[in-house]
Amino acid sequence: MGKRKKRRTEADQPAAPELSGILRLLCEIPVAKLDLHGLTRAEADAQVRHFLAAHRKSSKGRVVHIITGKGTRSDGPAVLPGVVDCLIRGDLRSDVSERAGLHGGGGVALRIARSRVRPRSN
């Protein structure tokens, strides 16, 4: 006769580790995606500004994805990843609390800031 295996219950299972930081950001399902494929530098700039302005109000603390593509079909180096990176590090830095490149490249995951820090006026 064979030995019976003891049934495992949820209590027997080790607790899943709590995700934090970039891993948590990349694992969260985005509330919205913006695809910039085929746009010019100026068009992409305007679209990103409009997209983040809309989500600044409605998606505080939530994750959005901006798809730039890798630039493999471009005549020269990829332009759109640089445009998005400059905006996020520059004018729109107060709208974003976390950012991480998407797996495989070609996009970025952003967490919308919970509160917008306004620049001081002197």
PDB file of N, CA and C in Angstrom:
ATOM      1  N   MET A   1       0.823  -1.187   0.000  1.00  0.00           N
ATOM      2  CA  MET A   1       0.000   0.000   0.000  1.00  0.00           C
ATOM      3  C   MET A   1       0.866   1.248   0.000  1.00  0.00           C
ATOM      4  N   GLY A   2       0.393   2.264  -0.715  1.00  0.00           N
ATOM      5  CA  GLY A   2       1.125   3.523  -0.794  1.00  0.00           C
ATOM      6  C   GLY A   2       0.842   4.419   0.391  1.00  0.00           C
ATOM      7  N   LYS A   3       1.747   5.314   0.628  1.00  0.00           N
ATOM      8  CA  LYS A   3       1.564   6.271   1.721  1.00  0.00           C
ATOM      9  C   LYS A   3       0.718   7.430   1.232  1.00  0.00           C
ATOM     10  N   ARG A   4      -0.123   7.892   2.085  1.00  0.00           N
ATOM     11  CA  ARG A   4      -0.946   9.058   1.756  1.00  0.00           C
ATOM     12  C   ARG A   4      -0.195  10.339   2.065  1.00  0.00           C
ATOM     13  N   LYS A   5      -0.332  11.273   1.160  1.00  0.00           N
ATOM     14  CA  LYS A   5       0.289  12.577   1.391  1.00  0.00           C
ATOM     15  C   LYS A   5      -0.657  13.448   2.198  1.00  0.00           C
ATOM     16  N   LYS A   6      -0.073  14.185   3.101  1.00  0.00           N
ATOM     17  CA  LYS A   6      -0.857  15.114   3.903  1.00  0.00           C
ATOM     18  C   LYS A   6      -1.292  16.270   3.017  1.00  0.00           C
ATOM     19  N   ARG A   7      -2.563  16.633   3.085  1.00  0.00           N
ATOM     20  CA  ARG A   7      -3.069  17.768   2.310  1.00  0.00           C
ATOM     21  C   ARG A   7      -2.500  19.059   2.846  1.00  0.00           C
ATOM     22  N   ARG A   8      -2.084  19.882   1.913  1.00  0.00           N
ATOM     23  CA  ARG A   8      -1.555  21.186   2.306  1.00  0.00           C
ATOM     24  C   ARG A   8      -2.686  22.201   2.323  1.00  0.00           C
ATOM     25  N   THR A   9      -2.684  23.034   3.301  1.00  0.00           N
ATOM     26  CA  THR A   9      -3.681  24.101   3.394  1.00  0.00           C
ATOM     27  C   THR A   9      -2.981  25.433   3.190  1.00  0.00           C
ATOM     28  N   GLU A  10      -3.762  26.483   3.083  1.00  0.00           N
ATOM     29  CA  GLU A  10      -3.181  27.816   2.915  1.00  0.00           C
ATOM     30  C   GLU A  10      -2.308  28.193   4.105  1.00  0.00           C
ATOM     31  N   ALA A  11      -2.666  27.706   5.281  1.00  0.00           N
ATOM     32  CA  ALA A  11      -1.898  28.016   6.480  1.00  0.00           C
ATOM     33  C   ALA A  11      -0.503  27.401   6.405  1.00  0.00           C
ATOM     34  N   ASP A  12      -0.367  26.280   5.682  1.00  0.00           N
ATOM     35  CA  ASP A  12       0.931  25.617   5.540  1.00  0.00           C
ATOM     36  C   ASP A  12       1.850  26.329   4.561  1.00  0.00           C
ATOM     37  N   GLN A  13       1.275  27.126   3.662  1.00  0.00           N
ATOM     38  CA  GLN A  13       2.056  27.806   2.633  1.00  0.00           C
ATOM     39  C   GLN A  13       2.775  29.011   3.220  1.00  0.00           C
ATOM     40  N   PRO A  14       4.022  29.214   2.816  1.00  0.00           N
ATOM     41  CA  PRO A  14       4.710  30.432   3.294  1.00  0.00           C
ATOM     42  C   PRO A  14       4.058  31.663   2.676  1.00  0.00           C
ATOM     43  N   ALA A  15       4.078  32.745   3.407  1.00  0.00           N
ATOM     44  CA  ALA A  15       3.477  33.987   2.917  1.00  0.00           C
ATOM     45  C   ALA A  15       4.288  34.512   1.736  1.00  0.00           C
ATOM     46  N   ALA A  16       3.581  35.030   0.737  1.00  0.00           N
ATOM     47  CA  ALA A  16       4.259  35.620  -0.421  1.00  0.00           C
ATOM     48  C   ALA A  16       4.973  36.881   0.028  1.00  0.00           C
ATOM     49  N   PRO A  17       6.179  37.111  -0.488  1.00  0.00           N
ATOM     50  CA  PRO A  17       6.885  38.327  -0.080  1.00  0.00           C
ATOM     51  C   PRO A  17       6.150  39.570  -0.555  1.00  0.00           C
ATOM     52  N   GLU A  18       6.187  40.602   0.250  1.00  0.00           N
ATOM     53  CA  GLU A  18       5.556  41.878  -0.093  1.00  0.00           C
ATOM     54  C   GLU A  18       6.414  42.578  -1.151  1.00  0.00           C
ATOM     55  N   LEU A  19       5.793  42.969  -2.247  1.00  0.00           N
ATOM     56  CA  LEU A  19       6.524  43.667  -3.300  1.00  0.00           C
ATOM     57  C   LEU A  19       6.686  45.127  -2.919  1.00  0.00           C
ATOM     58  N   SER A  20       7.805  45.700  -3.331  1.00  0.00           N
ATOM     59  CA  SER A  20       8.021  47.111  -3.064  1.00  0.00           C
ATOM     60  C   SER A  20       8.854  47.719  -4.180  1.00  0.00           C
ATOM     61  N   GLY A  21       8.886  49.018  -4.221  1.00  0.00           N
ATOM     62  CA  GLY A  21       9.727  49.740  -5.161  1.00  0.00           C
ATOM     63  C   GLY A  21       9.383  49.482  -6.611  1.00  0.00           C
ATOM     64  N   ILE A  22      10.417  49.314  -7.426  1.00  0.00           N
ATOM     65  CA  ILE A  22      10.259  49.169  -8.865  1.00  0.00           C
ATOM     66  C   ILE A  22       9.485  47.904  -9.205  1.00  0.00           C
ATOM     67  N   LEU A  23       9.713  46.818  -8.449  1.00  0.00           N
ATOM     68  CA  LEU A  23       9.004  45.573  -8.732  1.00  0.00           C
ATOM     69  C   LEU A  23       7.498  45.764  -8.591  1.00  0.00           C
ATOM     70  N   ARG A  24       7.085  46.445  -7.556  1.00  0.00           N
ATOM     71  CA  ARG A  24       5.658  46.703  -7.348  1.00  0.00           C
ATOM     72  C   ARG A  24       5.101  47.568  -8.471  1.00  0.00           C
ATOM     73  N   LEU A  25       5.853  48.572  -8.855  1.00  0.00           N
ATOM     74  CA  LEU A  25       5.441  49.477  -9.927  1.00  0.00           C
ATOM     75  C   LEU A  25       5.219  48.700 -11.222  1.00  0.00           C
ATOM     76  N   LEU A  26       6.151  47.805 -11.550  1.00  0.00           N
ATOM     77  CA  LEU A  26       6.054  47.047 -12.799  1.00  0.00           C
ATOM     78  C   LEU A  26       4.980  45.968 -12.761  1.00  0.00           C
ATOM     79  N   CYS A  27       4.622  45.494 -11.568  1.00  0.00           N
ATOM     80  CA  CYS A  27       3.614  44.435 -11.451  1.00  0.00           C
ATOM     81  C   CYS A  27       2.184  44.970 -11.425  1.00  0.00           C
ATOM     82  N   GLU A  28       2.015  46.230 -11.117  1.00  0.00           N
ATOM     83  CA  GLU A  28       0.664  46.796 -11.048  1.00  0.00           C
ATOM     84  C   GLU A  28       0.073  46.960 -12.445  1.00  0.00           C
ATOM     85  N   ILE A  29      -1.214  46.718 -12.531  1.00  0.00           N
ATOM     86  CA  ILE A  29      -1.925  46.884 -13.801  1.00  0.00           C
ATOM     87  C   ILE A  29      -2.149  48.378 -14.011  1.00  0.00           C
ATOM     88  N   PRO A  30      -1.744  48.901 -15.158  1.00  0.00           N
ATOM     89  CA  PRO A  30      -1.904  50.341 -15.392  1.00  0.00           C
ATOM     90  C   PRO A  30      -3.366  50.729 -15.585  1.00  0.00           C
ATOM     91  N   VAL A  31      -3.709  51.925 -15.119  1.00  0.00           N
ATOM     92  CA  VAL A  31      -5.066  52.434 -15.320  1.00  0.00           C
ATOM     93  C   VAL A  31      -5.236  52.982 -16.723  1.00  0.00           C
ATOM     94  N   ALA A  32      -4.116  53.315 -17.377  1.00  0.00           N
ATOM     95  CA  ALA A  32      -4.174  53.853 -18.739  1.00  0.00           C
ATOM     96  C   ALA A  32      -2.822  53.665 -19.422  1.00  0.00           C
ATOM     97  N   LYS A  33      -2.880  53.627 -20.756  1.00  0.00           N
ATOM     98  CA  LYS A  33      -1.661  53.529 -21.565  1.00  0.00           C
ATOM     99  C   LYS A  33      -1.714  54.588 -22.651  1.00  0.00           C
ATOM    100  N   LEU A  34      -0.552  55.161 -22.938  1.00  0.00           N
ATOM    101  CA  LEU A  34      -0.416  56.119 -24.028  1.00  0.00           C
ATOM    102  C   LEU A  34       0.606  55.553 -24.992  1.00  0.00           C
ATOM    103  N   ASP A  35       0.203  55.327 -26.241  1.00  0.00           N
ATOM    104  CA  ASP A  35       1.097  54.794 -27.263  1.00  0.00           C
ATOM    105  C   ASP A  35       1.534  55.926 -28.182  1.00  0.00           C
ATOM    106  N   LEU A  36       2.824  56.159 -28.242  1.00  0.00           N
ATOM    107  CA  LEU A  36       3.371  57.272 -29.020  1.00  0.00           C
ATOM    108  C   LEU A  36       3.928  56.852 -30.375  1.00  0.00           C
ATOM    109  N   HIS A  37       3.769  55.589 -30.751  1.00  0.00           N
ATOM    110  CA  HIS A  37       4.316  55.101 -32.022  1.00  0.00           C
ATOM    111  C   HIS A  37       3.904  56.004 -33.184  1.00  0.00           C
ATOM    112  N   GLY A  38       4.863  56.352 -34.007  1.00  0.00           N
ATOM    113  CA  GLY A  38       4.590  57.114 -35.222  1.00  0.00           C
ATOM    114  C   GLY A  38       4.465  58.609 -35.048  1.00  0.00           C
ATOM    115  N   LEU A  39       4.594  59.111 -33.828  1.00  0.00           N
ATOM    116  CA  LEU A  39       4.459  60.547 -33.607  1.00  0.00           C
ATOM    117  C   LEU A  39       5.809  61.249 -33.763  1.00  0.00           C
ATOM    118  N   THR A  40       5.760  62.521 -34.077  1.00  0.00           N
ATOM    119  CA  THR A  40       6.972  63.337 -34.127  1.00  0.00           C
ATOM    120  C   THR A  40       7.327  63.761 -32.709  1.00  0.00           C
ATOM    121  N   ARG A  41       8.494  64.380 -32.563  1.00  0.00           N
ATOM    122  CA  ARG A  41       8.931  64.874 -31.255  1.00  0.00           C
ATOM    123  C   ARG A  41       7.912  65.852 -30.661  1.00  0.00           C
ATOM    124  N   ALA A  42       7.463  66.806 -31.460  1.00  0.00           N
ATOM    125  CA  ALA A  42       6.514  67.828 -30.978  1.00  0.00           C
ATOM    126  C   ALA A  42       5.163  67.201 -30.619  1.00  0.00           C
ATOM    127  N   GLU A  43       4.685  66.285 -31.458  1.00  0.00           N
ATOM    128  CA  GLU A  43       3.408  65.623 -31.183  1.00  0.00           C
ATOM    129  C   GLU A  43       3.498  64.792 -29.904  1.00  0.00           C
ATOM    130  N   ALA A  44       4.600  64.066 -29.720  1.00  0.00           N
ATOM    131  CA  ALA A  44       4.786  63.241 -28.524  1.00  0.00           C
ATOM    132  C   ALA A  44       4.840  64.110 -27.273  1.00  0.00           C
ATOM    133  N   ASP A  45       5.545  65.220 -27.336  1.00  0.00           N
ATOM    134  CA  ASP A  45       5.640  66.150 -26.212  1.00  0.00           C
ATOM    135  C   ASP A  45       4.253  66.611 -25.781  1.00  0.00           C
ATOM    136  N   ALA A  46       3.445  67.044 -26.754  1.00  0.00           N
ATOM    137  CA  ALA A  46       2.092  67.524 -26.453  1.00  0.00           C
ATOM    138  C   ALA A  46       1.211  66.404 -25.893  1.00  0.00           C
ATOM    139  N   GLN A  47       1.308  65.209 -26.468  1.00  0.00           N
ATOM    140  CA  GLN A  47       0.488  64.077 -26.007  1.00  0.00           C
ATOM    141  C   GLN A  47       0.832  63.683 -24.572  1.00  0.00           C
ATOM    142  N   VAL A  48       2.120  63.624 -24.252  1.00  0.00           N
ATOM    143  CA  VAL A  48       2.541  63.246 -22.895  1.00  0.00           C
ATOM    144  C   VAL A  48       2.082  64.285 -21.887  1.00  0.00           C
ATOM    145  N   ARG A  49       2.241  65.553 -22.219  1.00  0.00           N
ATOM    146  CA  ARG A  49       1.790  66.616 -21.308  1.00  0.00           C
ATOM    147  C   ARG A  49       0.281  66.526 -21.058  1.00  0.00           C
ATOM    148  N   HIS A  50      -0.486  66.325 -22.121  1.00  0.00           N
ATOM    149  CA  HIS A  50      -1.946  66.220 -21.992  1.00  0.00           C
ATOM    150  C   HIS A  50      -2.333  64.976 -21.180  1.00  0.00           C
ATOM    151  N   PHE A  51      -1.700  63.848 -21.478  1.00  0.00           N
ATOM    152  CA  PHE A  51      -1.981  62.573 -20.797  1.00  0.00           C
ATOM    153  C   PHE A  51      -1.726  62.686 -19.298  1.00  0.00           C
ATOM    154  N   LEU A  52      -0.564  63.219 -18.914  1.00  0.00           N
ATOM    155  CA  LEU A  52      -0.253  63.327 -17.491  1.00  0.00           C
ATOM    156  C   LEU A  52      -1.104  64.386 -16.796  1.00  0.00           C
ATOM    157  N   ALA A  53      -1.461  65.439 -17.502  1.00  0.00           N
ATOM    158  CA  ALA A  53      -2.350  66.451 -16.911  1.00  0.00           C
ATOM    159  C   ALA A  53      -3.715  65.844 -16.593  1.00  0.00           C
ATOM    160  N   ALA A  54      -4.217  65.012 -17.488  1.00  0.00           N
ATOM    161  CA  ALA A  54      -5.517  64.369 -17.262  1.00  0.00           C
ATOM    162  C   ALA A  54      -5.451  63.385 -16.093  1.00  0.00           C
ATOM    163  N   HIS A  55      -4.365  62.636 -15.994  1.00  0.00           N
ATOM    164  CA  HIS A  55      -4.257  61.619 -14.946  1.00  0.00           C
ATOM    165  C   HIS A  55      -3.760  62.182 -13.626  1.00  0.00           C
ATOM    166  N   ARG A  56      -3.225  63.378 -13.632  1.00  0.00           N
ATOM    167  CA  ARG A  56      -2.810  64.037 -12.394  1.00  0.00           C
ATOM    168  C   ARG A  56      -4.014  64.209 -11.472  1.00  0.00           C
ATOM    169  N   LYS A  57      -5.168  64.436 -12.060  1.00  0.00           N
ATOM    170  CA  LYS A  57      -6.377  64.683 -11.274  1.00  0.00           C
ATOM    171  C   LYS A  57      -7.124  63.393 -10.941  1.00  0.00           C
ATOM    172  N   SER A  58      -7.181  62.455 -11.878  1.00  0.00           N
ATOM    173  CA  SER A  58      -8.035  61.284 -11.702  1.00  0.00           C
ATOM    174  C   SER A  58      -7.322  60.019 -11.245  1.00  0.00           C
ATOM    175  N   SER A  59      -6.009  59.973 -11.303  1.00  0.00           N
ATOM    176  CA  SER A  59      -5.303  58.719 -11.031  1.00  0.00           C
ATOM    177  C   SER A  59      -4.167  58.876 -10.029  1.00  0.00           C
ATOM    178  N   LYS A  60      -4.340  59.687  -9.021  1.00  0.00           N
ATOM    179  CA  LYS A  60      -3.289  59.917  -8.035  1.00  0.00           C
ATOM    180  C   LYS A  60      -2.880  58.603  -7.373  1.00  0.00           C
ATOM    181  N   GLY A  61      -1.573  58.343  -7.370  1.00  0.00           N
ATOM    182  CA  GLY A  61      -1.049  57.132  -6.751  1.00  0.00           C
ATOM    183  C   GLY A  61      -1.158  55.891  -7.618  1.00  0.00           C
ATOM    184  N   ARG A  62      -1.746  56.007  -8.791  1.00  0.00           N
ATOM    185  CA  ARG A  62      -1.936  54.858  -9.680  1.00  0.00           C
ATOM    186  C   ARG A  62      -0.842  54.823 -10.740  1.00  0.00           C
ATOM    187  N   VAL A  63      -0.791  53.710 -11.462  1.00  0.00           N
ATOM    188  CA  VAL A  63       0.259  53.489 -12.456  1.00  0.00           C
ATOM    189  C   VAL A  63      -0.298  53.682 -13.868  1.00  0.00           C
ATOM    190  N   VAL A  64       0.488  54.343 -14.722  1.00  0.00           N
ATOM    191  CA  VAL A  64       0.177  54.483 -16.149  1.00  0.00           C
ATOM    192  C   VAL A  64       1.408  54.049 -16.938  1.00  0.00           C
ATOM    193  N   HIS A  65       1.193  53.639 -18.167  1.00  0.00           N
ATOM    194  CA  HIS A  65       2.300  53.260 -19.048  1.00  0.00           C
ATOM    195  C   HIS A  65       2.344  54.195 -20.244  1.00  0.00           C
ATOM    196  N   ILE A  66       3.540  54.584 -20.626  1.00  0.00           N
ATOM    197  CA  ILE A  66       3.746  55.351 -21.852  1.00  0.00           C
ATOM    198  C   ILE A  66       4.621  54.487 -22.755  1.00  0.00           C
ATOM    199  N   ILE A  67       4.076  54.129 -23.911  1.00  0.00           N
ATOM    200  CA  ILE A  67       4.768  53.271 -24.865  1.00  0.00           C
ATOM    201  C   ILE A  67       5.455  54.163 -25.904  1.00  0.00           C
ATOM    202  N   THR A  68       6.771  54.058 -25.970  1.00  0.00           N
ATOM    203  CA  THR A  68       7.539  54.882 -26.897  1.00  0.00           C
ATOM    204  C   THR A  68       8.027  54.086 -28.099  1.00  0.00           C
ATOM    205  N   GLY A  69       8.171  52.807 -27.947  1.00  0.00           N
ATOM    206  CA  GLY A  69       8.814  51.985 -28.963  1.00  0.00           C
ATOM    207  C   GLY A  69      10.318  52.064 -28.782  1.00  0.00           C
ATOM    208  N   LYS A  70      11.027  51.182 -29.441  1.00  0.00           N
ATOM    209  CA  LYS A  70      12.485  51.130 -29.309  1.00  0.00           C
ATOM    210  C   LYS A  70      13.200  51.911 -30.396  1.00  0.00           C
ATOM    211  N   GLY A  71      12.463  52.368 -31.397  1.00  0.00           N
ATOM    212  CA  GLY A  71      13.085  53.121 -32.470  1.00  0.00           C
ATOM    213  C   GLY A  71      13.719  52.245 -33.534  1.00  0.00           C
ATOM    214  N   THR A  72      13.330  50.969 -33.599  1.00  0.00           N
ATOM    215  CA  THR A  72      13.944  50.056 -34.566  1.00  0.00           C
ATOM    216  C   THR A  72      13.564  50.386 -36.004  1.00  0.00           C
ATOM    217  N   ARG A  73      12.462  51.091 -36.211  1.00  0.00           N
ATOM    218  CA  ARG A  73      12.046  51.455 -37.572  1.00  0.00           C
ATOM    219  C   ARG A  73      12.430  52.890 -37.936  1.00  0.00           C
ATOM    220  N   SER A  74      13.130  53.543 -37.035  1.00  0.00           N
ATOM    221  CA  SER A  74      13.568  54.927 -37.285  1.00  0.00           C
ATOM    222  C   SER A  74      14.762  54.946 -38.222  1.00  0.00           C
ATOM    223  N   ASP A  75      14.901  56.053 -38.936  1.00  0.00           N
ATOM    224  CA  ASP A  75      16.059  56.226 -39.812  1.00  0.00           C
ATOM    225  C   ASP A  75      17.332  56.441 -38.995  1.00  0.00           C
ATOM    226  N   GLY A  76      17.209  57.064 -37.860  1.00  0.00           N
ATOM    227  CA  GLY A  76      18.353  57.342 -36.990  1.00  0.00           C
ATOM    228  C   GLY A  76      18.103  56.763 -35.610  1.00  0.00           C
ATOM    229  N   PRO A  77      18.704  57.360 -34.603  1.00  0.00           N
ATOM    230  CA  PRO A  77      18.479  56.884 -33.231  1.00  0.00           C
ATOM    231  C   PRO A  77      17.039  57.157 -32.773  1.00  0.00           C
ATOM    232  N   ALA A  78      16.588  56.373 -31.801  1.00  0.00           N
ATOM    233  CA  ALA A  78      15.233  56.529 -31.263  1.00  0.00           C
ATOM    234  C   ALA A  78      15.079  57.916 -30.631  1.00  0.00           C
ATOM    235  N   VAL A  79      13.977  58.588 -30.942  1.00  0.00           N
ATOM    236  CA  VAL A  79      13.739  59.947 -30.463  1.00  0.00           C
ATOM    237  C   VAL A  79      12.771  59.958 -29.282  1.00  0.00           C
ATOM    238  N   LEU A  80      11.707  59.188 -29.373  1.00  0.00           N
ATOM    239  CA  LEU A  80      10.626  59.278 -28.396  1.00  0.00           C
ATOM    240  C   LEU A  80      11.030  58.906 -26.963  1.00  0.00           C
ATOM    241  N   PRO A  81      11.856  57.877 -26.746  1.00  0.00           N
ATOM    242  CA  PRO A  81      12.266  57.606 -25.357  1.00  0.00           C
ATOM    243  C   PRO A  81      12.957  58.809 -24.711  1.00  0.00           C
ATOM    244  N   GLY A  82      13.772  59.521 -25.487  1.00  0.00           N
ATOM    245  CA  GLY A  82      14.452  60.707 -24.968  1.00  0.00           C
ATOM    246  C   GLY A  82      13.497  61.837 -24.654  1.00  0.00           C
ATOM    247  N   VAL A  83      12.478  62.006 -25.498  1.00  0.00           N
ATOM    248  CA  VAL A  83      11.474  63.050 -25.269  1.00  0.00           C
ATOM    249  C   VAL A  83      10.754  62.799 -23.948  1.00  0.00           C
ATOM    250  N   VAL A  84      10.301  61.562 -23.753  1.00  0.00           N
ATOM    251  CA  VAL A  84       9.560  61.213 -22.534  1.00  0.00           C
ATOM    252  C   VAL A  84      10.466  61.359 -21.314  1.00  0.00           C
ATOM    253  N   ASP A  85      11.697  60.873 -21.397  1.00  0.00           N
ATOM    254  CA  ASP A  85      12.618  60.958 -20.276  1.00  0.00           C
ATOM    255  C   ASP A  85      12.891  62.414 -19.891  1.00  0.00           C
ATOM    256  N   CYS A  86      13.112  63.271 -20.878  1.00  0.00           N
ATOM    257  CA  CYS A  86      13.353  64.699 -20.601  1.00  0.00           C
ATOM    258  C   CYS A  86      12.157  65.354 -19.916  1.00  0.00           C
ATOM    259  N   LEU A  87      10.961  65.018 -20.353  1.00  0.00           N
ATOM    260  CA  LEU A  87       9.750  65.587 -19.736  1.00  0.00           C
ATOM    261  C   LEU A  87       9.601  65.135 -18.286  1.00  0.00           C
ATOM    262  N   ILE A  88       9.825  63.838 -18.058  1.00  0.00           N
ATOM    263  CA  ILE A  88       9.640  63.279 -16.717  1.00  0.00           C
ATOM    264  C   ILE A  88      10.693  63.809 -15.745  1.00  0.00           C
ATOM    265  N   ARG A  89      11.891  64.010 -16.238  1.00  0.00           N
ATOM    266  CA  ARG A  89      12.961  64.540 -15.385  1.00  0.00           C
ATOM    267  C   ARG A  89      12.910  66.066 -15.281  1.00  0.00           C
ATOM    268  N   GLY A  90      12.189  66.699 -16.193  1.00  0.00           N
ATOM    269  CA  GLY A  90      12.141  68.156 -16.239  1.00  0.00           C
ATOM    270  C   GLY A  90      10.810  68.719 -15.799  1.00  0.00           C
ATOM    271  N   ASP A  91      10.072  69.256 -16.768  1.00  0.00           N
ATOM    272  CA  ASP A  91       8.831  69.982 -16.491  1.00  0.00           C
ATOM    273  C   ASP A  91       7.792  69.172 -15.719  1.00  0.00           C
ATOM    274  N   LEU A  92       7.724  67.872 -15.945  1.00  0.00           N
ATOM    275  CA  LEU A  92       6.649  67.057 -15.356  1.00  0.00           C
ATOM    276  C   LEU A  92       7.110  66.226 -14.161  1.00  0.00           C
ATOM    277  N   ARG A  93       8.269  66.529 -13.611  1.00  0.00           N
ATOM    278  CA  ARG A  93       8.802  65.703 -12.516  1.00  0.00           C
ATOM    279  C   ARG A  93       7.913  65.727 -11.281  1.00  0.00           C
ATOM    280  N   SER A  94       7.181  66.793 -11.054  1.00  0.00           N
ATOM    281  CA  SER A  94       6.308  66.860  -9.876  1.00  0.00           C
ATOM    282  C   SER A  94       5.028  66.045 -10.069  1.00  0.00           C
ATOM    283  N   ASP A  95       4.742  65.623 -11.291  1.00  0.00           N
ATOM    284  CA  ASP A  95       3.554  64.815 -11.552  1.00  0.00           C
ATOM    285  C   ASP A  95       3.805  63.319 -11.362  1.00  0.00           C
ATOM    286  N   VAL A  96       5.077  62.924 -11.263  1.00  0.00           N
ATOM    287  CA  VAL A  96       5.448  61.511 -11.218  1.00  0.00           C
ATOM    288  C   VAL A  96       6.231  61.232  -9.944  1.00  0.00           C
ATOM    289  N   SER A  97       5.789  60.202  -9.183  1.00  0.00           N
ATOM    290  CA  SER A  97       6.517  59.866  -7.958  1.00  0.00           C
ATOM    291  C   SER A  97       7.492  58.712  -8.174  1.00  0.00           C
ATOM    292  N   GLU A  98       7.216  57.826  -9.124  1.00  0.00           N
ATOM    293  CA  GLU A  98       8.107  56.699  -9.423  1.00  0.00           C
ATOM    294  C   GLU A  98       8.086  56.438 -10.916  1.00  0.00           C
ATOM    295  N   ARG A  99       9.186  55.886 -11.424  1.00  0.00           N
ATOM    296  CA  ARG A  99       9.229  55.504 -12.832  1.00  0.00           C
ATOM    297  C   ARG A  99      10.159  54.324 -12.995  1.00  0.00           C
ATOM    298  N   ALA A 100       9.878  53.515 -14.014  1.00  0.00           N
ATOM    299  CA  ALA A 100      10.727  52.359 -14.331  1.00  0.00           C
ATOM    300  C   ALA A 100      10.498  51.985 -15.780  1.00  0.00           C
ATOM    301  N   GLY A 101      11.548  51.555 -16.439  1.00  0.00           N
ATOM    302  CA  GLY A 101      11.431  51.086 -17.812  1.00  0.00           C
ATOM    303  C   GLY A 101      10.668  49.779 -17.862  1.00  0.00           C
ATOM    304  N   LEU A 102       9.846  49.613 -18.878  1.00  0.00           N
ATOM    305  CA  LEU A 102       9.077  48.383 -19.032  1.00  0.00           C
ATOM    306  C   LEU A 102       9.986  47.247 -19.481  1.00  0.00           C
ATOM    307  N   HIS A 103       9.625  46.040 -19.115  1.00  0.00           N
ATOM    308  CA  HIS A 103      10.395  44.851 -19.485  1.00  0.00           C
ATOM    309  C   HIS A 103      10.520  44.772 -21.003  1.00  0.00           C
ATOM    310  N   GLY A 104      11.713  44.599 -21.500  1.00  0.00           N
ATOM    311  CA  GLY A 104      11.938  44.532 -22.935  1.00  0.00           C
ATOM    312  C   GLY A 104      12.188  45.884 -23.574  1.00  0.00           C
ATOM    313  N   GLY A 105      12.061  46.944 -22.817  1.00  0.00           N
ATOM    314  CA  GLY A 105      12.274  48.288 -23.352  1.00  0.00           C
ATOM    315  C   GLY A 105      11.076  48.777 -24.129  1.00  0.00           C
ATOM    316  N   GLY A 106      11.180  49.940 -24.679  1.00  0.00           N
ATOM    317  CA  GLY A 106      10.112  50.482 -25.505  1.00  0.00           C
ATOM    318  C   GLY A 106       8.991  51.162 -24.757  1.00  0.00           C
ATOM    319  N   GLY A 107       9.196  51.408 -23.468  1.00  0.00           N
ATOM    320  CA  GLY A 107       8.146  52.087 -22.714  1.00  0.00           C
ATOM    321  C   GLY A 107       8.576  52.341 -21.287  1.00  0.00           C
ATOM    322  N   VAL A 108       7.721  53.049 -20.572  1.00  0.00           N
ATOM    323  CA  VAL A 108       8.016  53.395 -19.187  1.00  0.00           C
ATOM    324  C   VAL A 108       6.737  53.288 -18.363  1.00  0.00           C
ATOM    325  N   ALA A 109       6.884  52.779 -17.130  1.00  0.00           N
ATOM    326  CA  ALA A 109       5.785  52.730 -16.167  1.00  0.00           C
ATOM    327  C   ALA A 109       5.970  53.902 -15.215  1.00  0.00           C
ATOM    328  N   LEU A 110       4.894  54.625 -14.957  1.00  0.00           N
ATOM    329  CA  LEU A 110       4.955  55.803 -14.094  1.00  0.00           C
ATOM    330  C   LEU A 110       3.885  55.716 -13.017  1.00  0.00           C
ATOM    331  N   ARG A 111       4.243  56.094 -11.801  1.00  0.00           N
ATOM    332  CA  ARG A 111       3.240  56.249 -10.750  1.00  0.00           C
ATOM    333  C   ARG A 111       2.945  57.736 -10.641  1.00  0.00           C
ATOM    334  N   ILE A 112       1.678  58.076 -10.787  1.00  0.00           N
ATOM    335  CA  ILE A 112       1.251  59.470 -10.693  1.00  0.00           C
ATOM    336  C   ILE A 112       1.391  59.916  -9.234  1.00  0.00           C
ATOM    337  N   ALA A 113       1.986  61.074  -9.030  1.00  0.00           N
ATOM    338  CA  ALA A 113       2.197  61.605  -7.683  1.00  0.00           C
ATOM    339  C   ALA A 113       0.860  61.837  -6.993  1.00  0.00           C
ATOM    340  N   ARG A 114       0.835  61.581  -5.698  1.00  0.00           N
ATOM    341  CA  ARG A 114      -0.401  61.774  -4.923  1.00  0.00           C
ATOM    342  C   ARG A 114      -0.710  63.253  -4.731  1.00  0.00           C
ATOM    343  N   SER A 115       0.321  64.061  -4.594  1.00  0.00           N
ATOM    344  CA  SER A 115       0.100  65.504  -4.482  1.00  0.00           C
ATOM    345  C   SER A 115       1.167  66.196  -5.315  1.00  0.00           C
ATOM    346  N   ARG A 116       0.794  67.246  -5.930  1.00  0.00           N
ATOM    347  CA  ARG A 116       1.708  67.975  -6.800  1.00  0.00           C
ATOM    348  C   ARG A 116       2.399  69.055  -5.997  1.00  0.00           C
ATOM    349  N   VAL A 117       3.703  69.043  -6.044  1.00  0.00           N
ATOM    350  CA  VAL A 117       4.490  70.057  -5.362  1.00  0.00           C
ATOM    351  C   VAL A 117       4.639  71.234  -6.304  1.00  0.00           C
ATOM    352  N   ARG A 118       4.149  72.360  -5.874  1.00  0.00           N
ATOM    353  CA  ARG A 118       4.223  73.544  -6.724  1.00  0.00           C
ATOM    354  C   ARG A 118       5.544  74.269  -6.475  1.00  0.00           C
ATOM    355  N   PRO A 119       6.174  74.721  -7.561  1.00  0.00           N
ATOM    356  CA  PRO A 119       7.423  75.467  -7.385  1.00  0.00           C
ATOM    357  C   PRO A 119       7.187  76.766  -6.638  1.00  0.00           C
ATOM    358  N   ARG A 120       8.160  77.147  -5.836  1.00  0.00           N
ATOM    359  CA  ARG A 120       8.050  78.402  -5.091  1.00  0.00           C
ATOM    360  C   ARG A 120       8.229  79.586  -6.027  1.00  0.00           C
ATOM    361  N   SER A 121       7.479  80.625  -5.773  1.00  0.00           N
ATOM    362  CA  SER A 121       7.684  81.853  -6.540  1.00  0.00           C
ATOM    363  C   SER A 121       8.318  82.873  -5.601  1.00  0.00           C
ATOM    364  N   ASN A 122       9.362  83.499  -6.056  1.00  0.00           N
ATOM    365  CA  ASN A 122      10.089  84.446  -5.209  1.00  0.00           C
ATOM    366  C   ASN A 122       9.608  85.834  -5.365  1.00  0.00           C
TER     367      ASN A 122
END
